PDB file of all heavy atoms in Angstrom:
ATOM      1  N   ALA A   1      -5.959  -0.782   3.918  1.00  0.00           N
ATOM      2  CA  ALA A   1      -6.057  -1.716   2.796  1.00  0.00           C
ATOM      3  C   ALA A   1      -4.661  -2.073   2.290  1.00  0.00           C
ATOM      4  O   ALA A   1      -4.378  -3.238   1.970  1.00  0.00           O
ATOM      5  CB  ALA A   1      -6.888  -1.108   1.672  1.00  0.00           C
ATOM      6  N   THR A   2      -3.781  -1.085   2.228  1.00  0.00           N
ATOM      7  CA  THR A   2      -2.395  -1.337   1.815  1.00  0.00           C
ATOM      8  C   THR A   2      -1.720  -2.303   2.769  1.00  0.00           C
ATOM      9  O   THR A   2      -1.034  -3.240   2.358  1.00  0.00           O
ATOM     10  CB  THR A   2      -1.610  -0.008   1.784  1.00  0.00           C
ATOM     11  OG1 THR A   2      -2.151   0.842   0.767  1.00  0.00           O
ATOM     12  CG2 THR A   2      -0.132  -0.245   1.494  1.00  0.00           C
ATOM     13  N   ARG A   3      -1.909  -2.078   4.059  1.00  0.00           N
ATOM     14  CA  ARG A   3      -1.298  -2.948   5.073  1.00  0.00           C
ATOM     15  C   ARG A   3      -1.757  -4.397   4.906  1.00  0.00           C
ATOM     16  O   ARG A   3      -0.961  -5.330   4.959  1.00  0.00           O
ATOM     17  CB  ARG A   3      -1.650  -2.429   6.465  1.00  0.00           C
ATOM     18  CG  ARG A   3      -1.021  -3.224   7.605  1.00  0.00           C
ATOM     19  CD  ARG A   3      -1.321  -2.594   8.946  1.00  0.00           C
ATOM     20  NE  ARG A   3      -0.616  -1.323   9.104  1.00  0.00           N
ATOM     21  CZ  ARG A   3      -1.185  -0.124   9.124  1.00  0.00           C
ATOM     22  NH1 ARG A   3      -2.502  -0.027   8.986  1.00  0.00           N
ATOM     23  NH2 ARG A   3      -0.474   0.973   9.263  1.00  0.00           N
ATOM     24  N   ARG A   4      -3.048  -4.592   4.674  1.00  0.00           N
ATOM     25  CA  ARG A   4      -3.587  -5.948   4.559  1.00  0.00           C
ATOM     26  C   ARG A   4      -3.167  -6.625   3.254  1.00  0.00           C
ATOM     27  O   ARG A   4      -2.935  -7.841   3.212  1.00  0.00           O
ATOM     28  CB  ARG A   4      -5.109  -5.917   4.658  1.00  0.00           C
ATOM     29  CG  ARG A   4      -5.626  -5.436   6.003  1.00  0.00           C
ATOM     30  CD  ARG A   4      -7.125  -5.626   6.109  1.00  0.00           C
ATOM     31  NE  ARG A   4      -7.689  -4.924   7.267  1.00  0.00           N
ATOM     32  CZ  ARG A   4      -8.961  -4.965   7.604  1.00  0.00           C
ATOM     33  NH1 ARG A   4      -9.825  -5.683   6.881  1.00  0.00           N
ATOM     34  NH2 ARG A   4      -9.403  -4.298   8.663  1.00  0.00           N
ATOM     35  N   ILE A   5      -3.059  -5.858   2.189  1.00  0.00           N
ATOM     36  CA  ILE A   5      -2.680  -6.433   0.897  1.00  0.00           C
ATOM     37  C   ILE A   5      -1.216  -6.856   0.888  1.00  0.00           C
ATOM     38  O   ILE A   5      -0.857  -7.894   0.328  1.00  0.00           O
ATOM     39  CB  ILE A   5      -2.957  -5.424  -0.240  1.00  0.00           C
ATOM     40  CG1 ILE A   5      -4.463  -5.324  -0.499  1.00  0.00           C
ATOM     41  CG2 ILE A   5      -2.237  -5.829  -1.530  1.00  0.00           C
ATOM     42  CD1 ILE A   5      -4.848  -4.254  -1.496  1.00  0.00           C
ATOM     43  N   THR A   6      -0.362  -6.065   1.518  1.00  0.00           N
ATOM     44  CA  THR A   6       1.076  -6.337   1.463  1.00  0.00           C
ATOM     45  C   THR A   6       1.566  -7.207   2.620  1.00  0.00           C
ATOM     46  O   THR A   6       2.708  -7.665   2.598  1.00  0.00           O
ATOM     47  CB  THR A   6       1.881  -5.030   1.461  1.00  0.00           C
ATOM     48  OG1 THR A   6       1.593  -4.281   2.661  1.00  0.00           O
ATOM     49  CG2 THR A   6       1.530  -4.177   0.248  1.00  0.00           C
ATOM     50  N   ALA A   7       0.715  -7.446   3.618  1.00  0.00           N
ATOM     51  CA  ALA A   7       1.152  -8.156   4.823  1.00  0.00           C
ATOM     52  C   ALA A   7       1.471  -9.636   4.631  1.00  0.00           C
ATOM     53  O   ALA A   7       2.425 -10.135   5.232  1.00  0.00           O
ATOM     54  CB  ALA A   7       0.106  -7.998   5.927  1.00  0.00           C
ATOM     55  N   PRO A   8       0.700 -10.392   3.833  1.00  0.00           N
ATOM     56  CA  PRO A   8       0.946 -11.834   3.741  1.00  0.00           C
ATOM     57  C   PRO A   8       2.371 -12.161   3.316  1.00  0.00           C
ATOM     58  O   PRO A   8       2.949 -11.480   2.458  1.00  0.00           O
ATOM     59  CB  PRO A   8      -0.061 -12.299   2.674  1.00  0.00           C
ATOM     60  CG  PRO A   8      -1.145 -11.281   2.721  1.00  0.00           C
ATOM     61  CD  PRO A   8      -0.441  -9.983   2.998  1.00  0.00           C
ATOM     62  N   ALA A   9       2.946 -13.181   3.926  1.00  0.00           N
ATOM     63  CA  ALA A   9       4.295 -13.608   3.559  1.00  0.00           C
ATOM     64  C   ALA A   9       4.315 -14.016   2.085  1.00  0.00           C
ATOM     65  O   ALA A   9       3.435 -14.725   1.611  1.00  0.00           O
ATOM     66  CB  ALA A   9       4.717 -14.775   4.433  1.00  0.00           C
ATOM     67  N   GLY A  10       5.306 -13.531   1.376  1.00  0.00           N
ATOM     68  CA  GLY A  10       5.432 -13.865  -0.030  1.00  0.00           C
ATOM     69  C   GLY A  10       4.625 -12.983  -0.962  1.00  0.00           C
ATOM     70  O   GLY A  10       4.651 -13.180  -2.180  1.00  0.00           O
ATOM     71  N   ALA A  11       3.925 -11.994  -0.418  1.00  0.00           N
ATOM     72  CA  ALA A  11       3.142 -11.080  -1.263  1.00  0.00           C
ATOM     73  C   ALA A  11       4.070 -10.296  -2.189  1.00  0.00           C
ATOM     74  O   ALA A  11       5.075  -9.748  -1.750  1.00  0.00           O
ATOM     75  CB  ALA A  11       2.338 -10.121  -0.396  1.00  0.00           C
ATOM     76  N   THR A  12       3.736 -10.270  -3.459  1.00  0.00           N
ATOM     77  CA  THR A  12       4.580  -9.576  -4.437  1.00  0.00           C
ATOM     78  C   THR A  12       3.927  -8.321  -4.997  1.00  0.00           C
ATOM     79  O   THR A  12       4.591  -7.529  -5.668  1.00  0.00           O
ATOM     80  CB  THR A  12       4.926 -10.510  -5.607  1.00  0.00           C
ATOM     81  OG1 THR A  12       3.719 -10.957  -6.230  1.00  0.00           O
ATOM     82  CG2 THR A  12       5.717 -11.716  -5.121  1.00  0.00           C
ATOM     83  N   VAL A  13       2.630  -8.134  -4.750  1.00  0.00           N
ATOM     84  CA  VAL A  13       1.934  -6.959  -5.279  1.00  0.00           C
ATOM     85  C   VAL A  13       2.522  -5.686  -4.686  1.00  0.00           C
ATOM     86  O   VAL A  13       2.864  -5.634  -3.502  1.00  0.00           O
ATOM     87  CB  VAL A  13       0.417  -7.049  -4.985  1.00  0.00           C
ATOM     88  CG1 VAL A  13       0.151  -7.091  -3.499  1.00  0.00           C
ATOM     89  CG2 VAL A  13      -0.325  -5.895  -5.638  1.00  0.00           C
ATOM     90  N   LYS A  14       2.656  -4.658  -5.509  1.00  0.00           N
ATOM     91  CA  LYS A  14       3.172  -3.368  -5.070  1.00  0.00           C
ATOM     92  C   LYS A  14       2.023  -2.366  -5.020  1.00  0.00           C
ATOM     93  O   LYS A  14       1.132  -2.394  -5.875  1.00  0.00           O
ATOM     94  CB  LYS A  14       4.246  -2.856  -6.039  1.00  0.00           C
ATOM     95  CG  LYS A  14       5.400  -3.842  -6.266  1.00  0.00           C
ATOM     96  CD  LYS A  14       6.179  -4.077  -4.996  1.00  0.00           C
ATOM     97  CE  LYS A  14       7.283  -5.108  -5.211  1.00  0.00           C
ATOM     98  NZ  LYS A  14       8.261  -4.715  -6.236  1.00  0.00           N
ATOM     99  N   VAL A  15       2.040  -1.511  -4.022  1.00  0.00           N
ATOM    100  CA  VAL A  15       0.992  -0.504  -3.884  1.00  0.00           C
ATOM    101  C   VAL A  15       1.572   0.885  -4.140  1.00  0.00           C
ATOM    102  O   VAL A  15       2.567   1.278  -3.532  1.00  0.00           O
ATOM    103  CB  VAL A  15       0.356  -0.546  -2.475  1.00  0.00           C
ATOM    104  CG1 VAL A  15      -0.653   0.587  -2.313  1.00  0.00           C
ATOM    105  CG2 VAL A  15      -0.326  -1.886  -2.240  1.00  0.00           C
ATOM    106  N   LEU A  16       0.936   1.607  -5.044  1.00  0.00           N
ATOM    107  CA  LEU A  16       1.291   2.994  -5.334  1.00  0.00           C
ATOM    108  C   LEU A  16       0.149   3.857  -4.818  1.00  0.00           C
ATOM    109  O   LEU A  16      -0.973   3.788  -5.325  1.00  0.00           O
ATOM    110  CB  LEU A  16       1.474   3.198  -6.841  1.00  0.00           C
ATOM    111  CG  LEU A  16       1.724   4.630  -7.335  1.00  0.00           C
ATOM    112  CD1 LEU A  16       2.985   5.205  -6.707  1.00  0.00           C
ATOM    113  CD2 LEU A  16       1.815   4.653  -8.856  1.00  0.00           C
ATOM    114  N   VAL A  17       0.417   4.622  -3.786  1.00  0.00           N
ATOM    115  CA  VAL A  17      -0.614   5.438  -3.151  1.00  0.00           C
ATOM    116  C   VAL A  17      -0.832   6.722  -3.937  1.00  0.00           C
ATOM    117  O   VAL A  17       0.111   7.432  -4.276  1.00  0.00           O
ATOM    118  CB  VAL A  17      -0.230   5.757  -1.693  1.00  0.00           C
ATOM    119  CG1 VAL A  17      -1.209   6.752  -1.091  1.00  0.00           C
ATOM    120  CG2 VAL A  17      -0.213   4.478  -0.862  1.00  0.00           C
ATOM    121  N   LEU A  18      -2.105   7.008  -4.204  1.00  0.00           N
ATOM    122  CA  LEU A  18      -2.491   8.229  -4.912  1.00  0.00           C
ATOM    123  C   LEU A  18      -3.397   9.053  -4.017  1.00  0.00           C
ATOM    124  O   LEU A  18      -4.333   8.519  -3.419  1.00  0.00           O
ATOM    125  CB  LEU A  18      -3.236   7.878  -6.200  1.00  0.00           C
ATOM    126  CG  LEU A  18      -2.399   7.279  -7.327  1.00  0.00           C
ATOM    127  CD1 LEU A  18      -3.298   6.579  -8.325  1.00  0.00           C
ATOM    128  CD2 LEU A  18      -1.580   8.362  -8.018  1.00  0.00           C
ATOM    129  N   THR A  19      -3.133  10.344  -3.926  1.00  0.00           N
ATOM    130  CA  THR A  19      -3.973  11.192  -3.090  1.00  0.00           C
ATOM    131  C   THR A  19      -3.891  12.643  -3.531  1.00  0.00           C
ATOM    132  O   THR A  19      -2.935  13.049  -4.191  1.00  0.00           O
ATOM    133  CB  THR A  19      -3.566  11.080  -1.606  1.00  0.00           C
ATOM    134  OG1 THR A  19      -4.469  11.840  -0.809  1.00  0.00           O
ATOM    135  CG2 THR A  19      -2.156  11.589  -1.391  1.00  0.00           C
ATOM    136  N   THR A  20      -4.898  13.407  -3.161  1.00  0.00           N
ATOM    137  CA  THR A  20      -4.870  14.845  -3.426  1.00  0.00           C
ATOM    138  C   THR A  20      -4.263  15.569  -2.230  1.00  0.00           C
ATOM    139  O   THR A  20      -4.010  16.763  -2.291  1.00  0.00           O
ATOM    140  CB  THR A  20      -6.298  15.384  -3.659  1.00  0.00           C
ATOM    141  OG1 THR A  20      -7.119  14.993  -2.558  1.00  0.00           O
ATOM    142  CG2 THR A  20      -6.876  14.829  -4.938  1.00  0.00           C
ATOM    143  N   PHE A  21      -4.026  14.839  -1.148  1.00  0.00           N
ATOM    144  CA  PHE A  21      -3.516  15.447   0.075  1.00  0.00           C
ATOM    145  C   PHE A  21      -2.064  15.037   0.303  1.00  0.00           C
ATOM    146  O   PHE A  21      -1.769  13.850   0.433  1.00  0.00           O
ATOM    147  CB  PHE A  21      -4.362  15.012   1.284  1.00  0.00           C
ATOM    148  CG  PHE A  21      -5.821  15.306   1.117  1.00  0.00           C
ATOM    149  CD1 PHE A  21      -6.686  14.330   0.655  1.00  0.00           C
ATOM    150  CD2 PHE A  21      -6.328  16.570   1.400  1.00  0.00           C
ATOM    151  CE1 PHE A  21      -8.039  14.596   0.483  1.00  0.00           C
ATOM    152  CE2 PHE A  21      -7.675  16.852   1.235  1.00  0.00           C
ATOM    153  CZ  PHE A  21      -8.528  15.865   0.772  1.00  0.00           C
ATOM    154  N   ASP A  22      -1.166  16.003   0.362  1.00  0.00           N
ATOM    155  CA  ASP A  22       0.247  15.689   0.558  1.00  0.00           C
ATOM    156  C   ASP A  22       0.640  15.941   2.015  1.00  0.00           C
ATOM    157  O   ASP A  22       1.632  16.592   2.308  1.00  0.00           O
ATOM    158  CB  ASP A  22       1.136  16.497  -0.389  1.00  0.00           C
ATOM    159  CG  ASP A  22       0.967  18.004  -0.241  1.00  0.00           C
ATOM    160  OD1 ASP A  22      -0.015  18.415   0.413  1.00  0.00           O
ATOM    161  OD2 ASP A  22       1.807  18.750  -0.763  1.00  0.00           O
ATOM    162  N   LEU A  23      -0.169  15.417   2.941  1.00  0.00           N
ATOM    163  CA  LEU A  23       0.091  15.614   4.361  1.00  0.00           C
ATOM    164  C   LEU A  23       1.105  14.595   4.863  1.00  0.00           C
ATOM    165  O   LEU A  23       1.051  13.420   4.523  1.00  0.00           O
ATOM    166  CB  LEU A  23      -1.209  15.481   5.162  1.00  0.00           C
ATOM    167  CG  LEU A  23      -2.334  16.439   4.766  1.00  0.00           C
ATOM    168  CD1 LEU A  23      -3.573  16.171   5.614  1.00  0.00           C
ATOM    169  CD2 LEU A  23      -1.885  17.889   4.926  1.00  0.00           C
ATOM    170  N   ASP A  24       2.031  15.070   5.704  1.00  0.00           N
ATOM    171  CA  ASP A  24       3.129  14.221   6.158  1.00  0.00           C
ATOM    172  C   ASP A  24       2.675  12.892   6.771  1.00  0.00           C
ATOM    173  O   ASP A  24       3.218  11.840   6.480  1.00  0.00           O
ATOM    174  CB  ASP A  24       3.981  14.975   7.188  1.00  0.00           C
ATOM    175  CG  ASP A  24       4.663  16.192   6.596  1.00  0.00           C
ATOM    176  OD1 ASP A  24       4.873  16.225   5.385  1.00  0.00           O
ATOM    177  OD2 ASP A  24       4.984  17.102   7.364  1.00  0.00           O
TER     178      ASP A  24
END
């Protein structure tokens, strides 16, 4: 979902990922 939201040229929205899992 992050990839699709930020992919369009000129996209300005920022994504802050939240998770309970801190896996590399």
